[in-house]
């Protein structure tokens, strides 16, 4: 925390991106940011990873820095495998459908 205080004297905030995997996989539920993470004992590898990631981003009280953990779903960057699969379809057919819209993320 002393390193953060020294580097950022104005302490605007610390952003540590997480993922929607913290909620688990329940296709029957629509999650919001106010929902708690997955229940204890029902964690998967990904929910456990997300929970540990968010826990490790917490800073000490002395740091006095606001911590933000945005939770993202699937990220479609230009050079990723999902985008490599979707881009040709989008270019050839003018668009594409990704799943049924019923995905739990």
C-alpha atoms as a PDB file:
ATOM      1  CA  UNK A   1       0.000   0.000   0.000  1.00  0.00           C
ATOM      2  CA  UNK A   2       2.883   2.406   0.619  1.00  0.00           C
ATOM      3  CA  UNK A   3       3.954   1.945  -3.019  1.00  0.00           C
ATOM      4  CA  UNK A   4       0.498   2.930  -4.257  1.00  0.00           C
ATOM      5  CA  UNK A   5       0.414   5.932  -1.935  1.00  0.00           C
ATOM      6  CA  UNK A   6       3.835   7.041  -3.220  1.00  0.00           C
ATOM      7  CA  UNK A   7       2.985   6.552  -6.904  1.00  0.00           C
ATOM      8  CA  UNK A   8      -0.495   8.088  -6.825  1.00  0.00           C
ATOM      9  CA  UNK A   9      -0.588  10.896  -4.268  1.00  0.00           C
ATOM     10  CA  UNK A  10      -4.084  11.962  -5.449  1.00  0.00           C
ATOM     11  CA  UNK A  11      -5.400   8.389  -5.053  1.00  0.00           C
ATOM     12  CA  UNK A  12      -8.125   8.529  -7.713  1.00  0.00           C
ATOM     13  CA  UNK A  13      -8.828   4.798  -7.439  1.00  0.00           C
ATOM     14  CA  UNK A  14      -7.635   1.310  -8.188  1.00  0.00           C
ATOM     15  CA  UNK A  15      -9.456  -0.715 -10.875  1.00  0.00           C
ATOM     16  CA  UNK A  16      -9.113  -4.491 -10.890  1.00  0.00           C
ATOM     17  CA  UNK A  17     -11.282  -6.158 -13.538  1.00  0.00           C
ATOM     18  CA  UNK A  18     -13.051  -9.375 -12.630  1.00  0.00           C
ATOM     19  CA  UNK A  19     -15.609 -11.558 -14.421  1.00  0.00           C
ATOM     20  CA  UNK A  20     -19.261 -12.513 -14.205  1.00  0.00           C
ATOM     21  CA  UNK A  21     -18.049 -16.010 -13.338  1.00  0.00           C
ATOM     22  CA  UNK A  22     -18.209 -14.910  -9.710  1.00  0.00           C
ATOM     23  CA  UNK A  23     -21.974 -15.553  -9.816  1.00  0.00           C
ATOM     24  CA  UNK A  24     -21.778 -19.161 -10.934  1.00  0.00           C
ATOM     25  CA  UNK A  25     -23.800 -20.771 -13.717  1.00  0.00           C
ATOM     26  CA  UNK A  26     -27.528 -20.703 -13.130  1.00  0.00           C
ATOM     27  CA  UNK A  27     -29.449 -20.423 -16.394  1.00  0.00           C
ATOM     28  CA  UNK A  28     -32.703 -19.789 -14.497  1.00  0.00           C
ATOM     29  CA  UNK A  29     -31.496 -16.622 -12.751  1.00  0.00           C
ATOM     30  CA  UNK A  30     -30.802 -13.131 -14.029  1.00  0.00           C
ATOM     31  CA  UNK A  31     -27.936 -11.629 -12.028  1.00  0.00           C
ATOM     32  CA  UNK A  32     -27.363  -7.993 -11.133  1.00  0.00           C
ATOM     33  CA  UNK A  33     -24.423  -6.240  -9.503  1.00  0.00           C
ATOM     34  CA  UNK A  34     -26.229  -6.305  -6.160  1.00  0.00           C
ATOM     35  CA  UNK A  35     -26.364 -10.131  -6.136  1.00  0.00           C
ATOM     36  CA  UNK A  36     -23.880 -11.858  -3.829  1.00  0.00           C
ATOM     37  CA  UNK A  37     -21.245 -14.178  -5.301  1.00  0.00           C
ATOM     38  CA  UNK A  38     -21.959 -17.892  -5.650  1.00  0.00           C
ATOM     39  CA  UNK A  39     -22.928 -19.700  -2.444  1.00  0.00           C
ATOM     40  CA  UNK A  40     -20.205 -21.372  -0.384  1.00  0.00           C
ATOM     41  CA  UNK A  41     -19.733 -24.976  -1.449  1.00  0.00           C
ATOM     42  CA  UNK A  42     -21.078 -24.374  -4.981  1.00  0.00           C
ATOM     43  CA  UNK A  43     -17.919 -22.825  -6.384  1.00  0.00           C
ATOM     44  CA  UNK A  44     -16.398 -23.981  -9.641  1.00  0.00           C
ATOM     45  CA  UNK A  45     -12.839 -23.348 -10.731  1.00  0.00           C
ATOM     46  CA  UNK A  46     -13.903 -20.067 -12.357  1.00  0.00           C
ATOM     47  CA  UNK A  47     -16.034 -18.799  -9.485  1.00  0.00           C
ATOM     48  CA  UNK A  48     -13.218 -19.593  -7.074  1.00  0.00           C
ATOM     49  CA  UNK A  49     -10.724 -17.808  -9.349  1.00  0.00           C
ATOM     50  CA  UNK A  50     -12.946 -14.696  -9.546  1.00  0.00           C
ATOM     51  CA  UNK A  51     -13.504 -14.623  -5.781  1.00  0.00           C
ATOM     52  CA  UNK A  52      -9.789 -14.976  -5.040  1.00  0.00           C
ATOM     53  CA  UNK A  53      -8.949 -12.312  -7.647  1.00  0.00           C
ATOM     54  CA  UNK A  54     -11.360  -9.817  -6.095  1.00  0.00           C
ATOM     55  CA  UNK A  55     -10.151 -10.641  -2.585  1.00  0.00           C
ATOM     56  CA  UNK A  56      -6.524 -10.060  -3.621  1.00  0.00           C
ATOM     57  CA  UNK A  57      -7.403  -6.638  -5.028  1.00  0.00           C
ATOM     58  CA  UNK A  58      -8.547  -5.324  -1.659  1.00  0.00           C
ATOM     59  CA  UNK A  59      -6.138  -2.753  -0.361  1.00  0.00           C
ATOM     60  CA  UNK A  60      -5.277  -2.025   3.239  1.00  0.00           C
ATOM     61  CA  UNK A  61      -7.122   0.633   5.216  1.00  0.00           C
ATOM     62  CA  UNK A  62      -4.029   2.850   5.322  1.00  0.00           C
ATOM     63  CA  UNK A  63      -3.977   3.098   1.544  1.00  0.00           C
ATOM     64  CA  UNK A  64      -7.211   5.154   1.477  1.00  0.00           C
ATOM     65  CA  UNK A  65      -7.760   4.275  -2.179  1.00  0.00           C
ATOM     66  CA  UNK A  66     -11.128   3.487  -3.690  1.00  0.00           C
ATOM     67  CA  UNK A  67     -11.142  -0.029  -5.203  1.00  0.00           C
ATOM     68  CA  UNK A  68     -13.437  -0.844  -8.139  1.00  0.00           C
ATOM     69  CA  UNK A  69     -13.986  -4.428  -9.358  1.00  0.00           C
ATOM     70  CA  UNK A  70     -15.983  -4.291 -12.609  1.00  0.00           C
ATOM     71  CA  UNK A  71     -17.281  -7.721 -13.635  1.00  0.00           C
ATOM     72  CA  UNK A  72     -17.169  -8.408 -17.369  1.00  0.00           C
ATOM     73  CA  UNK A  73     -18.738 -11.169 -19.429  1.00  0.00           C
ATOM     74  CA  UNK A  74     -17.218 -12.446 -22.668  1.00  0.00           C
ATOM     75  CA  UNK A  75     -14.658  -9.989 -24.039  1.00  0.00           C
ATOM     76  CA  UNK A  76     -14.446  -9.933 -27.824  1.00  0.00           C
ATOM     77  CA  UNK A  77     -11.085  -8.421 -28.681  1.00  0.00           C
ATOM     78  CA  UNK A  78      -9.972  -8.419 -32.314  1.00  0.00           C
ATOM     79  CA  UNK A  79      -7.176 -10.976 -31.854  1.00  0.00           C
ATOM     80  CA  UNK A  80      -9.024 -13.568 -29.719  1.00  0.00           C
ATOM     81  CA  UNK A  81     -10.365 -16.996 -30.721  1.00  0.00           C
ATOM     82  CA  UNK A  82     -14.052 -16.080 -30.264  1.00  0.00           C
ATOM     83  CA  UNK A  83     -13.607 -13.077 -32.538  1.00  0.00           C
ATOM     84  CA  UNK A  84     -11.680 -15.121 -35.114  1.00  0.00           C
ATOM     85  CA  UNK A  85     -14.670 -17.477 -35.299  1.00  0.00           C
ATOM     86  CA  UNK A  86     -17.292 -14.714 -35.445  1.00  0.00           C
ATOM     87  CA  UNK A  87     -15.599 -12.208 -37.753  1.00  0.00           C
ATOM     88  CA  UNK A  88     -15.771 -14.249 -40.993  1.00  0.00           C
ATOM     89  CA  UNK A  89     -19.471 -14.956 -40.444  1.00  0.00           C
ATOM     90  CA  UNK A  90     -20.156 -11.325 -39.733  1.00  0.00           C
ATOM     91  CA  UNK A  91     -18.309 -10.167 -42.834  1.00  0.00           C
ATOM     92  CA  UNK A  92     -19.850 -12.769 -45.133  1.00  0.00           C
ATOM     93  CA  UNK A  93     -23.413 -12.678 -43.876  1.00  0.00           C
ATOM     94  CA  UNK A  94     -23.702  -9.155 -42.461  1.00  0.00           C
ATOM     95  CA  UNK A  95     -24.023 -10.362 -38.877  1.00  0.00           C
ATOM     96  CA  UNK A  96     -24.180 -13.455 -36.744  1.00  0.00           C
ATOM     97  CA  UNK A  97     -26.067 -14.872 -33.774  1.00  0.00           C
ATOM     98  CA  UNK A  98     -24.057 -15.821 -30.704  1.00  0.00           C
ATOM     99  CA  UNK A  99     -25.938 -18.416 -28.701  1.00  0.00           C
ATOM    100  CA  UNK A 100     -29.633 -18.429 -27.877  1.00  0.00           C
ATOM    101  CA  UNK A 101     -29.637 -15.390 -25.623  1.00  0.00           C
ATOM    102  CA  UNK A 102     -30.291 -17.692 -22.682  1.00  0.00           C
ATOM    103  CA  UNK A 103     -26.646 -17.889 -21.534  1.00  0.00           C
ATOM    104  CA  UNK A 104     -26.186 -17.374 -17.776  1.00  0.00           C
ATOM    105  CA  UNK A 105     -23.585 -14.625 -18.297  1.00  0.00           C
END
